[in-house]
PDB file of N, CA and C in Angstrom:
ATOM      1  N   MET A   1      -3.237   7.205  10.047  1.00  0.00           N
ATOM      2  CA  MET A   1      -4.430   6.427   9.801  1.00  0.00           C
ATOM      3  C   MET A   1      -4.127   5.402   8.727  1.00  0.00           C
ATOM      4  N   ASP A   2      -4.869   4.313   8.749  1.00  0.00           N
ATOM      5  CA  ASP A   2      -4.739   3.274   7.729  1.00  0.00           C
ATOM      6  C   ASP A   2      -5.740   3.556   6.614  1.00  0.00           C
ATOM      7  N   VAL A   3      -5.275   3.575   5.384  1.00  0.00           N
ATOM      8  CA  VAL A   3      -6.140   3.830   4.233  1.00  0.00           C
ATOM      9  C   VAL A   3      -6.140   2.596   3.351  1.00  0.00           C
ATOM     10  N   LYS A   4      -7.346   2.143   2.985  1.00  0.00           N
ATOM     11  CA  LYS A   4      -7.477   0.974   2.108  1.00  0.00           C
ATOM     12  C   LYS A   4      -7.688   1.453   0.680  1.00  0.00           C
ATOM     13  N   CYS A   5      -6.867   0.977  -0.219  1.00  0.00           N
ATOM     14  CA  CYS A   5      -6.943   1.353  -1.629  1.00  0.00           C
ATOM     15  C   CYS A   5      -8.233   0.804  -2.240  1.00  0.00           C
ATOM     16  N   SER A   6      -8.888   1.624  -3.056  1.00  0.00           N
ATOM     17  CA  SER A   6     -10.140   1.177  -3.671  1.00  0.00           C
ATOM     18  C   SER A   6      -9.895   0.244  -4.855  1.00  0.00           C
ATOM     19  N   GLY A   7      -8.682   0.254  -5.406  1.00  0.00           N
ATOM     20  CA  GLY A   7      -8.390  -0.590  -6.561  1.00  0.00           C
ATOM     21  C   GLY A   7      -7.924  -1.983  -6.191  1.00  0.00           C
ATOM     22  N   CYS A   8      -6.925  -2.078  -5.284  1.00  0.00           N
ATOM     23  CA  CYS A   8      -6.340  -3.384  -4.969  1.00  0.00           C
ATOM     24  C   CYS A   8      -6.588  -3.802  -3.523  1.00  0.00           C
ATOM     25  N   PHE A   9      -7.246  -2.957  -2.721  1.00  0.00           N
ATOM     26  CA  PHE A   9      -7.602  -3.237  -1.324  1.00  0.00           C
ATOM     27  C   PHE A   9      -6.387  -3.437  -0.421  1.00  0.00           C
ATOM     28  N   ALA A  10      -5.229  -2.900  -0.815  1.00  0.00           N
ATOM     29  CA  ALA A  10      -4.047  -2.925   0.046  1.00  0.00           C
ATOM     30  C   ALA A  10      -4.172  -1.805   1.075  1.00  0.00           C
ATOM     31  N   ILE A  11      -3.636  -2.024   2.279  1.00  0.00           N
ATOM     32  CA  ILE A  11      -3.728  -1.035   3.349  1.00  0.00           C
ATOM     33  C   ILE A  11      -2.389  -0.319   3.490  1.00  0.00           C
ATOM     34  N   SER A  12      -2.435   1.016   3.481  1.00  0.00           N
ATOM     35  CA  SER A  12      -1.240   1.842   3.635  1.00  0.00           C
ATOM     36  C   SER A  12      -1.433   2.782   4.816  1.00  0.00           C
ATOM     37  N   THR A  13      -0.350   3.091   5.517  1.00  0.00           N
ATOM     38  CA  THR A  13      -0.402   4.044   6.619  1.00  0.00           C
ATOM     39  C   THR A  13      -0.105   5.434   6.077  1.00  0.00           C
ATOM     40  N   VAL A  14      -0.999   6.381   6.386  1.00  0.00           N
ATOM     41  CA  VAL A  14      -0.899   7.740   5.862  1.00  0.00           C
ATOM     42  C   VAL A  14      -1.057   8.714   7.018  1.00  0.00           C
ATOM     43  N   PHE A  15      -0.254   9.779   7.022  1.00  0.00           N
ATOM     44  CA  PHE A  15      -0.429  10.838   8.015  1.00  0.00           C
ATOM     45  C   PHE A  15      -1.653  11.669   7.648  1.00  0.00           C
ATOM     46  N   SER A  16      -2.426  12.091   8.654  1.00  0.00           N
ATOM     47  CA  SER A  16      -3.657  12.838   8.389  1.00  0.00           C
ATOM     48  C   SER A  16      -3.381  14.214   7.797  1.00  0.00           C
ATOM     49  N   HIS A  17      -2.213  14.792   8.080  1.00  0.00           N
ATOM     50  CA  HIS A  17      -1.853  16.097   7.546  1.00  0.00           C
ATOM     51  C   HIS A  17      -0.743  15.965   6.495  1.00  0.00           C
ATOM     52  N   ALA A  18      -0.824  14.945   5.648  1.00  0.00           N
ATOM     53  CA  ALA A  18       0.202  14.709   4.626  1.00  0.00           C
ATOM     54  C   ALA A  18       0.293  15.910   3.686  1.00  0.00           C
ATOM     55  N   GLN A  19       1.515  16.300   3.336  1.00  0.00           N
ATOM     56  CA  GLN A  19       1.725  17.476   2.497  1.00  0.00           C
ATOM     57  C   GLN A  19       2.100  17.119   1.066  1.00  0.00           C
ATOM     58  N   THR A  20       2.133  15.836   0.748  1.00  0.00           N
ATOM     59  CA  THR A  20       2.398  15.399  -0.618  1.00  0.00           C
ATOM     60  C   THR A  20       1.317  14.405  -1.025  1.00  0.00           C
ATOM     61  N   VAL A  21       1.211  14.153  -2.312  1.00  0.00           N
ATOM     62  CA  VAL A  21       0.262  13.161  -2.809  1.00  0.00           C
ATOM     63  C   VAL A  21       0.744  11.786  -2.381  1.00  0.00           C
ATOM     64  N   VAL A  22      -0.132  10.989  -1.785  1.00  0.00           N
ATOM     65  CA  VAL A  22       0.229   9.646  -1.329  1.00  0.00           C
ATOM     66  C   VAL A  22      -0.281   8.643  -2.350  1.00  0.00           C
ATOM     67  N   ILE A  23       0.617   7.770  -2.809  1.00  0.00           N
ATOM     68  CA  ILE A  23       0.305   6.802  -3.858  1.00  0.00           C
ATOM     69  C   ILE A  23       0.365   5.395  -3.286  1.00  0.00           C
ATOM     70  N   CYS A  24      -0.540   4.535  -3.721  1.00  0.00           N
ATOM     71  CA  CYS A  24      -0.562   3.139  -3.283  1.00  0.00           C
ATOM     72  C   CYS A  24       0.709   2.435  -3.760  1.00  0.00           C
ATOM     73  N   GLY A  25       1.328   1.665  -2.873  1.00  0.00           N
ATOM     74  CA  GLY A  25       2.555   0.963  -3.222  1.00  0.00           C
ATOM     75  C   GLY A  25       2.337  -0.196  -4.170  1.00  0.00           C
ATOM     76  N   SER A  26       1.127  -0.761  -4.175  1.00  0.00           N
ATOM     77  CA  SER A  26       0.858  -1.929  -5.012  1.00  0.00           C
ATOM     78  C   SER A  26       0.436  -1.556  -6.427  1.00  0.00           C
ATOM     79  N   CYS A  27      -0.562  -0.677  -6.535  1.00  0.00           N
ATOM     80  CA  CYS A  27      -1.135  -0.410  -7.862  1.00  0.00           C
ATOM     81  C   CYS A  27      -0.898   1.016  -8.354  1.00  0.00           C
ATOM     82  N   SER A  28      -0.194   1.843  -7.592  1.00  0.00           N
ATOM     83  CA  SER A  28       0.177   3.213  -7.970  1.00  0.00           C
ATOM     84  C   SER A  28      -1.007   4.150  -8.185  1.00  0.00           C
ATOM     85  N   SER A  29      -2.146   3.874  -7.555  1.00  0.00           N
ATOM     86  CA  SER A  29      -3.258   4.821  -7.621  1.00  0.00           C
ATOM     87  C   SER A  29      -3.125   5.824  -6.479  1.00  0.00           C
ATOM     88  N   VAL A  30      -3.723   6.991  -6.630  1.00  0.00           N
ATOM     89  CA  VAL A  30      -3.609   8.066  -5.643  1.00  0.00           C
ATOM     90  C   VAL A  30      -4.548   7.784  -4.478  1.00  0.00           C
ATOM     91  N   LEU A  31      -4.003   7.781  -3.246  1.00  0.00           N
ATOM     92  CA  LEU A  31      -4.814   7.531  -2.052  1.00  0.00           C
ATOM     93  C   LEU A  31      -5.350   8.818  -1.456  1.00  0.00           C
ATOM     94  N   CYS A  32      -4.523   9.864  -1.373  1.00  0.00           N
ATOM     95  CA  CYS A  32      -4.995  11.139  -0.834  1.00  0.00           C
ATOM     96  C   CYS A  32      -4.178  12.284  -1.405  1.00  0.00           C
ATOM     97  N   GLN A  33      -4.797  13.471  -1.383  1.00  0.00           N
ATOM     98  CA  GLN A  33      -4.166  14.671  -1.907  1.00  0.00           C
ATOM     99  C   GLN A  33      -4.103  15.718  -0.812  1.00  0.00           C
ATOM    100  N   PRO A  34      -3.047  16.517  -0.778  1.00  0.00           N
ATOM    101  CA  PRO A  34      -2.923  17.527   0.275  1.00  0.00           C
ATOM    102  C   PRO A  34      -3.865  18.705   0.047  1.00  0.00           C
ATOM    103  N   THR A  35      -4.325  19.289   1.145  1.00  0.00           N
ATOM    104  CA  THR A  35      -5.053  20.558   1.103  1.00  0.00           C
ATOM    105  C   THR A  35      -4.257  21.508   1.988  1.00  0.00           C
ATOM    106  N   GLY A  36      -4.852  22.568   2.438  1.00  0.00           N
ATOM    107  CA  GLY A  36      -4.140  23.474   3.328  1.00  0.00           C
ATOM    108  C   GLY A  36      -3.899  22.866   4.689  1.00  0.00           C
ATOM    109  N   GLY A  37      -4.795  21.966   5.139  1.00  0.00           N
ATOM    110  CA  GLY A  37      -4.670  21.345   6.460  1.00  0.00           C
ATOM    111  C   GLY A  37      -4.592  19.841   6.346  1.00  0.00           C
ATOM    112  N   LYS A  38      -5.715  19.175   6.578  1.00  0.00           N
ATOM    113  CA  LYS A  38      -5.736  17.717   6.505  1.00  0.00           C
ATOM    114  C   LYS A  38      -5.764  17.250   5.055  1.00  0.00           C
ATOM    115  N   ALA A  39      -5.245  16.058   4.837  1.00  0.00           N
ATOM    116  CA  ALA A  39      -5.229  15.491   3.491  1.00  0.00           C
ATOM    117  C   ALA A  39      -6.634  15.030   3.116  1.00  0.00           C
ATOM    118  N   ARG A  40      -6.968  15.156   1.849  1.00  0.00           N
ATOM    119  CA  ARG A  40      -8.279  14.742   1.362  1.00  0.00           C
ATOM    120  C   ARG A  40      -8.173  13.359   0.730  1.00  0.00           C
ATOM    121  N   LEU A  41      -8.978  12.420   1.211  1.00  0.00           N
ATOM    122  CA  LEU A  41      -8.954  11.061   0.678  1.00  0.00           C
ATOM    123  C   LEU A  41      -9.591  11.022  -0.700  1.00  0.00           C
ATOM    124  N   THR A  42      -9.072  10.152  -1.551  1.00  0.00           N
ATOM    125  CA  THR A  42      -9.655   9.947  -2.858  1.00  0.00           C
ATOM    126  C   THR A  42     -10.985   9.227  -2.695  1.00  0.00           C
ATOM    127  N   GLU A  43     -11.944   9.564  -3.533  1.00  0.00           N
ATOM    128  CA  GLU A  43     -13.264   8.965  -3.440  1.00  0.00           C
ATOM    129  C   GLU A  43     -13.172   7.450  -3.635  1.00  0.00           C
ATOM    130  N   GLY A  44     -13.832   6.703  -2.775  1.00  0.00           N
ATOM    131  CA  GLY A  44     -13.832   5.252  -2.860  1.00  0.00           C
ATOM    132  C   GLY A  44     -12.883   4.579  -1.894  1.00  0.00           C
ATOM    133  N   SER A  45     -11.901   5.305  -1.375  1.00  0.00           N
ATOM    134  CA  SER A  45     -10.979   4.701  -0.411  1.00  0.00           C
ATOM    135  C   SER A  45     -11.532   4.876   0.997  1.00  0.00           C
ATOM    136  N   SER A  46     -11.316   3.877   1.837  1.00  0.00           N
ATOM    137  CA  SER A  46     -11.807   3.933   3.213  1.00  0.00           C
ATOM    138  C   SER A  46     -10.625   4.039   4.162  1.00  0.00           C
ATOM    139  N   PHE A  47     -10.894   4.491   5.394  1.00  0.00           N
ATOM    140  CA  PHE A  47      -9.810   4.708   6.341  1.00  0.00           C
ATOM    141  C   PHE A  47     -10.199   4.226   7.725  1.00  0.00           C
ATOM    142  N   ARG A  48      -9.173   4.051   8.573  1.00  0.00           N
ATOM    143  CA  ARG A  48      -9.359   3.686   9.978  1.00  0.00           C
ATOM    144  C   ARG A  48      -8.353   4.482  10.787  1.00  0.00           C
ATOM    145  N   ARG A  49      -8.847   5.191  11.803  1.00  0.00           N
ATOM    146  CA  ARG A  49      -7.953   5.973  12.660  1.00  0.00           C
ATOM    147  C   ARG A  49      -7.175   5.063  13.582  1.00  0.00           C
ATOM    148  N   LYS A  50      -5.943   5.449  13.873  1.00  0.00           N
ATOM    149  CA  LYS A  50      -5.136   4.719  14.854  1.00  0.00           C
ATOM    150  C   LYS A  50      -5.201   5.462  16.170  1.00  0.00           C
ATOM    151  N   ASN A  51      -5.118   4.743  17.273  1.00  0.00           N
ATOM    152  CA  ASN A  51      -5.177   5.393  18.589  1.00  0.00           C
ATOM    153  C   ASN A  51      -3.814   5.717  19.109  1.00  0.00           C
TER     154      ASN A  51
END
């Protein structure tokens, strides 16, 4: 899925079941954190599913 950073509005591609913390390449803010299953998005970031 594509995740838009809430700080710099850059778009990054993230796996829905990511097992590590995903950090924005531009501003180094955290985009999502792993849980037992699907990754949890950081509050304020938006996403778009890919088909």
